[in-house]
Amino acid sequence: MLLDTNALIWLVHDSSRLGPTGRDLINRARRVHYSSISVSEITIKHMLGRMGLPGGAAFPVIFASSGLAELPFRTEHAHTLLEFDSLVRHDPFDRLLLAQARCEGMPLMTSDTTLLSLGEDWIIDARV
């Protein structure tokens, strides 16, 4: 399972925004991943003054120390973006995470309504 950036932050902060079904799926998953894309997104938003760093000085190590596995972004992930040409104007971070999950054959847990509206059974609503 791959967590999108919101689900990742909610998990690390133990936020109630991560729904009970989402928590249960994470707890039952054999392996839960975070992406280097999410680390990039958080870093950029932090630099723009839009958010703090999860874990403060422990960022980004907090993700691995929480038992999550890093999924680096690779060339084949970039190529998989071509499968989602209808999303060309959508948030680039969300599209990159979607492509990673698709390429790796893993579920993507997200709160993004555009991604959820694709109707794919491997895209899971993190809010429920």
Protein backbone atom coordinates (compact mmCIF):
# COMPACT_ATOMS: atom_id res chain seq x y z
CA MET A 1 0.00 0.00 0.00
CA LEU A 2 1.17 3.53 -0.84
CA LEU A 3 0.01 6.47 1.26
CA ASP A 4 -0.54 9.80 -0.43
CA THR A 5 0.89 12.84 1.32
CA ASN A 6 -2.23 13.66 3.34
CA ALA A 7 -2.71 10.09 4.53
CA LEU A 8 0.98 9.94 5.44
CA ILE A 9 0.80 13.12 7.52
CA TRP A 10 -2.46 12.03 9.15
CA LEU A 11 -0.93 8.69 10.10
CA VAL A 12 2.22 10.20 11.59
CA HIS A 13 0.20 12.82 13.53
CA ASP A 14 -2.43 10.26 14.55
CA SER A 15 -5.07 12.58 13.10
CA SER A 16 -8.77 11.77 13.28
CA ARG A 17 -8.96 12.77 9.61
CA LEU A 18 -7.58 9.30 8.82
CA GLY A 19 -10.75 7.23 9.00
CA PRO A 20 -11.22 3.99 10.93
CA THR A 21 -11.37 1.86 7.77
CA GLY A 22 -8.19 3.49 6.50
CA ARG A 23 -6.44 2.82 9.82
CA ASP A 24 -7.58 -0.79 9.78
CA LEU A 25 -6.30 -1.29 6.23
CA ILE A 26 -2.95 0.22 7.18
CA ASN A 27 -2.71 -1.99 10.27
CA ARG A 28 -3.53 -5.11 8.26
CA ALA A 29 -1.24 -4.30 5.32
CA ARG A 30 1.84 -6.44 4.93
CA ARG A 31 3.87 -3.36 4.05
CA VAL A 32 2.97 0.33 3.95
CA HIS A 33 4.98 2.72 1.79
CA TYR A 34 5.57 6.44 1.62
CA SER A 35 6.99 8.06 -1.47
CA SER A 36 9.99 10.27 -2.06
CA ILE A 37 7.41 12.38 -3.93
CA SER A 38 5.57 13.06 -0.64
CA VAL A 39 8.85 14.09 1.02
CA SER A 40 9.41 16.50 -1.87
CA GLU A 41 5.87 17.89 -1.63
CA ILE A 42 6.13 18.42 2.13
CA THR A 43 9.55 20.06 1.78
CA ILE A 44 8.33 22.46 -0.91
CA LYS A 45 5.19 23.38 1.05
CA HIS A 46 7.30 23.92 4.17
CA MET A 47 9.68 26.19 2.24
CA LEU A 48 6.65 28.20 1.05
CA GLY A 49 5.46 28.58 4.65
CA ARG A 50 2.34 26.47 4.12
CA MET A 51 3.10 23.72 6.64
CA GLY A 52 5.47 22.52 9.31
CA LEU A 53 7.64 19.48 8.89
CA PRO A 54 6.08 16.30 10.30
CA GLY A 55 8.34 15.16 13.12
CA GLY A 56 10.15 18.51 13.19
CA ALA A 57 13.89 17.85 13.34
CA ALA A 58 13.18 14.13 12.74
CA PHE A 59 11.81 14.87 9.24
CA PRO A 60 11.91 12.83 7.02
CA VAL A 61 13.37 10.01 9.13
CA ILE A 62 10.12 9.94 11.12
CA PHE A 63 8.44 8.00 8.29
CA ALA A 64 10.93 5.13 8.30
CA SER A 65 11.12 5.15 12.11
CA SER A 66 7.32 4.76 12.11
CA GLY A 67 7.76 1.45 10.27
CA LEU A 68 6.97 2.73 6.78
CA ALA A 69 9.01 1.73 3.73
CA GLU A 70 10.25 4.36 1.28
CA LEU A 71 9.27 4.04 -2.37
CA PRO A 72 11.70 6.06 -4.51
CA PHE A 73 10.37 7.59 -7.74
CA ARG A 74 11.79 5.79 -10.78
CA THR A 75 11.75 6.15 -14.56
CA GLU A 76 9.02 3.53 -15.03
CA HIS A 77 6.83 5.49 -12.61
CA ALA A 78 7.25 8.59 -14.76
CA HIS A 79 6.33 6.61 -17.87
CA THR A 80 3.14 5.35 -16.18
CA LEU A 81 1.90 8.96 -16.07
CA LEU A 82 0.89 8.40 -19.71
CA GLU A 83 -1.92 6.11 -18.52
CA PHE A 84 -3.64 9.07 -16.87
CA ASP A 85 -3.69 11.69 -19.62
CA SER A 86 -7.10 12.96 -18.46
CA LEU A 87 -5.41 14.22 -15.28
CA VAL A 88 -2.79 16.34 -17.06
CA ARG A 89 -4.02 19.52 -15.32
CA HIS A 90 -4.43 17.89 -11.88
CA ASP A 91 -2.02 18.35 -8.97
CA PRO A 92 1.34 16.97 -10.15
CA PHE A 93 2.20 15.38 -6.80
CA ASP A 94 -1.07 13.43 -6.80
CA ARG A 95 -0.47 12.29 -10.38
CA LEU A 96 3.05 11.12 -9.55
CA LEU A 97 1.81 9.14 -6.54
CA LEU A 98 -0.99 7.64 -8.63
CA ALA A 99 1.48 6.54 -11.29
CA GLN A 100 3.78 5.00 -8.67
CA ALA A 101 0.97 2.99 -7.13
CA ARG A 102 -0.29 1.84 -10.53
CA CYS A 103 3.17 0.84 -11.72
CA GLU A 104 3.92 -1.06 -8.51
CA GLY A 105 0.50 -2.74 -8.44
CA MET A 106 -0.26 -1.49 -4.96
CA PRO A 107 -3.30 0.25 -3.48
CA LEU A 108 -3.11 4.03 -3.12
CA MET A 109 -4.69 5.51 0.00
CA THR A 110 -5.74 9.09 -0.69
CA SER A 111 -8.24 11.77 0.23
CA ASP A 112 -8.07 13.42 -3.19
CA THR A 113 -11.59 13.49 -4.61
CA THR A 114 -10.38 13.65 -8.22
CA LEU A 115 -8.35 10.47 -7.82
CA LEU A 116 -11.17 8.78 -5.91
CA SER A 117 -13.62 9.70 -8.68
CA LEU A 118 -11.62 7.60 -11.17
CA GLY A 119 -13.58 4.61 -9.84
CA GLU A 120 -10.55 2.34 -9.54
CA ASP A 121 -10.85 -0.29 -6.79
CA TRP A 122 -7.15 0.10 -5.92
CA ILE A 123 -7.63 3.79 -4.99
CA ILE A 124 -8.82 3.84 -1.37
CA ASP A 125 -10.47 6.73 0.49
CA ALA A 126 -8.30 7.56 3.52
CA ARG A 127 -11.15 9.47 5.19
CA VAL A 128 -13.49 6.53 5.78
